C-alpha atoms as a PDB file:
ATOM      1  CA  MET A   1     -44.280 -24.403  14.422  1.00  0.00           C
ATOM      2  CA  ILE A   2     -44.639 -22.848  18.170  1.00  0.00           C
ATOM      3  CA  LYS A   3     -47.483 -20.373  17.170  1.00  0.00           C
ATOM      4  CA  GLU A   4     -49.625 -23.856  16.250  1.00  0.00           C
ATOM      5  CA  ILE A   5     -48.920 -25.932  18.988  1.00  0.00           C
ATOM      6  CA  GLN A   6     -50.110 -22.729  21.378  1.00  0.00           C
ATOM      7  CA  LYS A   7     -53.272 -23.419  19.571  1.00  0.00           C
ATOM      8  CA  TYR A   8     -53.805 -27.006  21.307  1.00  0.00           C
ATOM      9  CA  ASP A   9     -51.069 -25.862  24.260  1.00  0.00           C
ATOM     10  CA  PRO A  10     -52.002 -22.383  25.723  1.00  0.00           C
ATOM     11  CA  LYS A  11     -49.251 -22.930  28.371  1.00  0.00           C
ATOM     12  CA  LEU A  12     -46.542 -23.553  26.009  1.00  0.00           C
ATOM     13  CA  LYS A  13     -44.556 -20.411  26.390  1.00  0.00           C
ATOM     14  CA  ILE A  14     -41.076 -20.595  24.751  1.00  0.00           C
ATOM     15  CA  GLU A  15     -38.853 -18.784  22.273  1.00  0.00           C
ATOM     16  CA  PRO A  16     -37.442 -20.188  19.220  1.00  0.00           C
ATOM     17  CA  LYS A  17     -33.803 -19.968  20.037  1.00  0.00           C
ATOM     18  CA  ASP A  18     -35.224 -22.186  23.682  1.00  0.00           C
ATOM     19  CA  CYS A  19     -35.741 -24.817  21.595  1.00  0.00           C
ATOM     20  CA  ILE A  20     -32.551 -25.310  19.179  1.00  0.00           C
ATOM     21  CA  LEU A  21     -30.297 -27.823  20.228  1.00  0.00           C
ATOM     22  CA  ARG A  22     -26.577 -27.724  20.007  1.00  0.00           C
ATOM     23  CA  ILE A  23     -25.020 -28.109  16.764  1.00  0.00           C
ATOM     24  CA  HIS A  24     -21.181 -27.651  17.108  1.00  0.00           C
ATOM     25  CA  LYS A  25     -19.227 -29.005  19.697  1.00  0.00           C
ATOM     26  CA  ASP A  26     -16.266 -27.217  21.708  1.00  0.00           C
ATOM     27  CA  ILE A  27     -13.567 -28.111  19.240  1.00  0.00           C
ATOM     28  CA  ARG A  28     -10.891 -25.669  21.021  1.00  0.00           C
ATOM     29  CA  PHE A  29      -8.948 -28.307  22.481  1.00  0.00           C
ATOM     30  CA  SER A  30     -10.156 -31.240  20.350  1.00  0.00           C
ATOM     31  CA  LYS A  31      -8.418 -32.713  17.338  1.00  0.00           C
ATOM     32  CA  ASP A  32     -11.891 -33.891  15.729  1.00  0.00           C
ATOM     33  CA  LYS A  33     -12.932 -30.247  14.305  1.00  0.00           C
ATOM     34  CA  SER A  34     -15.639 -32.268  12.371  1.00  0.00           C
ATOM     35  CA  PRO A  35     -19.526 -31.083  13.850  1.00  0.00           C
ATOM     36  CA  TYR A  36     -21.254 -32.504  16.881  1.00  0.00           C
ATOM     37  CA  ASN A  37     -24.095 -32.838  14.971  1.00  0.00           C
ATOM     38  CA  LEU A  38     -24.714 -33.332  10.931  1.00  0.00           C
ATOM     39  CA  HIS A  39     -28.250 -32.112  11.597  1.00  0.00           C
ATOM     40  CA  TYR A  40     -30.163 -29.473  12.831  1.00  0.00           C
ATOM     41  CA  THR A  41     -32.831 -29.994  15.336  1.00  0.00           C
ATOM     42  CA  ALA A  42     -35.315 -28.341  17.701  1.00  0.00           C
ATOM     43  CA  PHE A  43     -37.370 -29.707  20.577  1.00  0.00           C
ATOM     44  CA  ILE A  44     -40.726 -27.751  21.133  1.00  0.00           C
ATOM     45  CA  SER A  45     -41.918 -28.392  24.515  1.00  0.00           C
ATOM     46  CA  ARG A  46     -42.759 -26.265  27.918  1.00  0.00           C
ATOM     47  CA  GLY A  47     -39.217 -27.476  29.071  1.00  0.00           C
ATOM     48  CA  GLY A  48     -37.141 -26.917  25.757  1.00  0.00           C
ATOM     49  CA  HIS A  49     -34.134 -27.830  24.894  1.00  0.00           C
ATOM     50  CA  LYS A  50     -32.833 -28.050  28.719  1.00  0.00           C
ATOM     51  CA  ASN A  51     -35.258 -30.393  29.766  1.00  0.00           C
ATOM     52  CA  LYS A  52     -36.002 -32.936  27.398  1.00  0.00           C
ATOM     53  CA  SER A  53     -37.819 -35.186  29.861  1.00  0.00           C
ATOM     54  CA  VAL A  54     -41.068 -32.947  29.399  1.00  0.00           C
ATOM     55  CA  PRO A  55     -42.889 -34.473  26.258  1.00  0.00           C
ATOM     56  CA  GLY A  56     -43.062 -32.313  23.281  1.00  0.00           C
ATOM     57  CA  ILE A  57     -41.872 -32.673  19.864  1.00  0.00           C
ATOM     58  CA  PHE A  58     -38.867 -33.180  17.894  1.00  0.00           C
ATOM     59  CA  LEU A  59     -38.245 -31.575  14.355  1.00  0.00           C
ATOM     60  CA  ARG A  60     -35.108 -32.847  12.708  1.00  0.00           C
ATOM     61  CA  PHE A  61     -33.568 -31.702   9.250  1.00  0.00           C
ATOM     62  CA  SER A  62     -30.544 -33.144   7.649  1.00  0.00           C
ATOM     63  CA  PRO A  63     -29.601 -33.940   4.088  1.00  0.00           C
ATOM     64  CA  GLU A  64     -30.513 -37.227   4.532  1.00  0.00           C
ATOM     65  CA  MET A  65     -33.728 -37.187   6.116  1.00  0.00           C
ATOM     66  CA  VAL A  66     -36.776 -34.869   7.630  1.00  0.00           C
ATOM     67  CA  GLY A  67     -37.773 -36.281  10.842  1.00  0.00           C
ATOM     68  CA  ILE A  68     -40.588 -35.527  13.123  1.00  0.00           C
ATOM     69  CA  MET A  69     -40.960 -37.498  16.496  1.00  0.00           C
ATOM     70  CA  GLY A  70     -42.899 -36.664  19.579  1.00  0.00           C
ATOM     71  CA  GLY A  71     -42.116 -38.042  23.201  1.00  0.00           C
ATOM     72  CA  CYS A  72     -39.138 -37.064  25.934  1.00  0.00           C
ATOM     73  CA  PHE A  73     -35.857 -38.371  26.620  1.00  0.00           C
ATOM     74  CA  SER A  74     -34.358 -39.184  29.835  1.00  0.00           C
ATOM     75  CA  ILE A  75     -37.184 -39.012  32.012  1.00  0.00           C
ATOM     76  CA  SER A  76     -36.792 -39.437  35.865  1.00  0.00           C
ATOM     77  CA  LYS A  77     -37.625 -42.982  37.453  1.00  0.00           C
ATOM     78  CA  GLU A  78     -40.755 -41.426  38.846  1.00  0.00           C
ATOM     79  CA  ARG A  79     -42.355 -40.094  35.605  1.00  0.00           C
ATOM     80  CA  LEU A  80     -41.176 -43.037  33.864  1.00  0.00           C
ATOM     81  CA  HIS A  81     -42.760 -45.169  36.590  1.00  0.00           C
ATOM     82  CA  ASN A  82     -46.450 -43.337  35.900  1.00  0.00           C
ATOM     83  CA  VAL A  83     -46.457 -43.585  32.424  1.00  0.00           C
ATOM     84  CA  ARG A  84     -46.008 -47.607  33.100  1.00  0.00           C
ATOM     85  CA  THR A  85     -48.392 -47.645  35.826  1.00  0.00           C
ATOM     86  CA  ILE A  86     -51.067 -45.327  33.779  1.00  0.00           C
ATOM     87  CA  ILE A  87     -50.640 -47.844  30.837  1.00  0.00           C
ATOM     88  CA  ASP A  88     -51.087 -51.163  32.824  1.00  0.00           C
ATOM     89  CA  GLN A  89     -53.936 -50.238  34.490  1.00  0.00           C
ATOM     90  CA  ASN A  90     -55.953 -49.610  30.806  1.00  0.00           C
ATOM     91  CA  PRO A  91     -53.791 -52.036  28.245  1.00  0.00           C
ATOM     92  CA  SER A  92     -57.179 -51.692  26.214  1.00  0.00           C
ATOM     93  CA  GLY A  93     -57.218 -48.195  26.066  1.00  0.00           C
ATOM     94  CA  PHE A  94     -53.360 -47.696  25.082  1.00  0.00           C
ATOM     95  CA  ARG A  95     -54.529 -50.482  22.695  1.00  0.00           C
ATOM     96  CA  LYS A  96     -56.996 -48.652  21.192  1.00  0.00           C
ATOM     97  CA  LEU A  97     -54.894 -45.658  20.858  1.00  0.00           C
ATOM     98  CA  VAL A  98     -51.655 -46.990  19.072  1.00  0.00           C
ATOM     99  CA  GLU A  99     -53.022 -50.388  17.524  1.00  0.00           C
ATOM    100  CA  ASP A 100     -57.050 -49.622  16.498  1.00  0.00           C
ATOM    101  CA  ASN A 101     -56.899 -45.749  15.382  1.00  0.00           C
ATOM    102  CA  LYS A 102     -56.771 -46.190  11.581  1.00  0.00           C
ATOM    103  CA  ALA A 103     -55.162 -42.420  11.324  1.00  0.00           C
ATOM    104  CA  PHE A 104     -52.170 -44.054  13.861  1.00  0.00           C
ATOM    105  CA  VAL A 105     -51.603 -46.792  12.703  1.00  0.00           C
ATOM    106  CA  GLN A 106     -51.179 -45.114   8.701  1.00  0.00           C
ATOM    107  CA  LYS A 107     -48.659 -42.573   9.473  1.00  0.00           C
ATOM    108  CA  PHE A 108     -46.715 -44.611  12.525  1.00  0.00           C
ATOM    109  CA  GLU A 109     -47.538 -48.484  11.562  1.00  0.00           C
ATOM    110  CA  GLU A 110     -46.534 -49.090  14.986  1.00  0.00           C
ATOM    111  CA  ILE A 111     -44.450 -47.998  18.193  1.00  0.00           C
ATOM    112  CA  LYS A 112     -41.104 -48.742  17.394  1.00  0.00           C
ATOM    113  CA  GLY A 113     -37.970 -49.006  20.288  1.00  0.00           C
ATOM    114  CA  SER A 114     -36.471 -51.440  22.267  1.00  0.00           C
ATOM    115  CA  ALA A 115     -38.244 -53.304  24.681  1.00  0.00           C
ATOM    116  CA  LEU A 116     -37.500 -53.947  27.960  1.00  0.00           C
ATOM    117  CA  LYS A 117     -34.870 -56.289  29.149  1.00  0.00           C
ATOM    118  CA  ARG A 118     -35.255 -56.344  32.848  1.00  0.00           C
ATOM    119  CA  ILE A 119     -39.146 -57.051  34.043  1.00  0.00           C
ATOM    120  CA  PRO A 120     -39.896 -54.096  36.449  1.00  0.00           C
ATOM    121  CA  LYS A 121     -40.784 -54.895  39.980  1.00  0.00           C
ATOM    122  CA  ASN A 122     -44.365 -55.301  39.790  1.00  0.00           C
ATOM    123  CA  GLY A 123     -43.732 -58.219  37.660  1.00  0.00           C
ATOM    124  CA  LYS A 124     -45.112 -57.039  33.982  1.00  0.00           C
ATOM    125  CA  ARG A 125     -43.091 -56.634  31.031  1.00  0.00           C
ATOM    126  CA  LEU A 126     -44.560 -53.527  29.512  1.00  0.00           C
ATOM    127  CA  THR A 127     -44.098 -52.940  25.648  1.00  0.00           C
ATOM    128  CA  GLY A 128     -46.233 -51.934  22.679  1.00  0.00           C
ATOM    129  CA  ARG A 129     -46.050 -55.275  21.355  1.00  0.00           C
ATOM    130  CA  ASN A 130     -47.391 -57.203  24.329  1.00  0.00           C
ATOM    131  CA  LEU A 131     -49.463 -55.160  26.503  1.00  0.00           C
END
């Protein structure tokens, strides 16, 4: 998968071992000896599993599901502000990508997730549903 992604992102220089997320917790001092996760997850991005704030692709495998997700996790306040600003400056372009793009809609239906509970300081509530 890394080699396939490198065709589109030649700057991606990462080894498979740097993509695998932790499977087990330290059970030495725990009464609960169950696994940390019941699934295997890999995060392919320039930051690898140590920096999930860099956009990438999550691959999740479990007996119940196989998931392929894109994005980033726990990004910095500054980076989040930049993303929101770019969307705010071109809402029609964003809508075109996620609503008018037949391939996107067919595969993903819509952007899913939670909406903001507080409006950012610029006074606009930015979500996929009301841009």
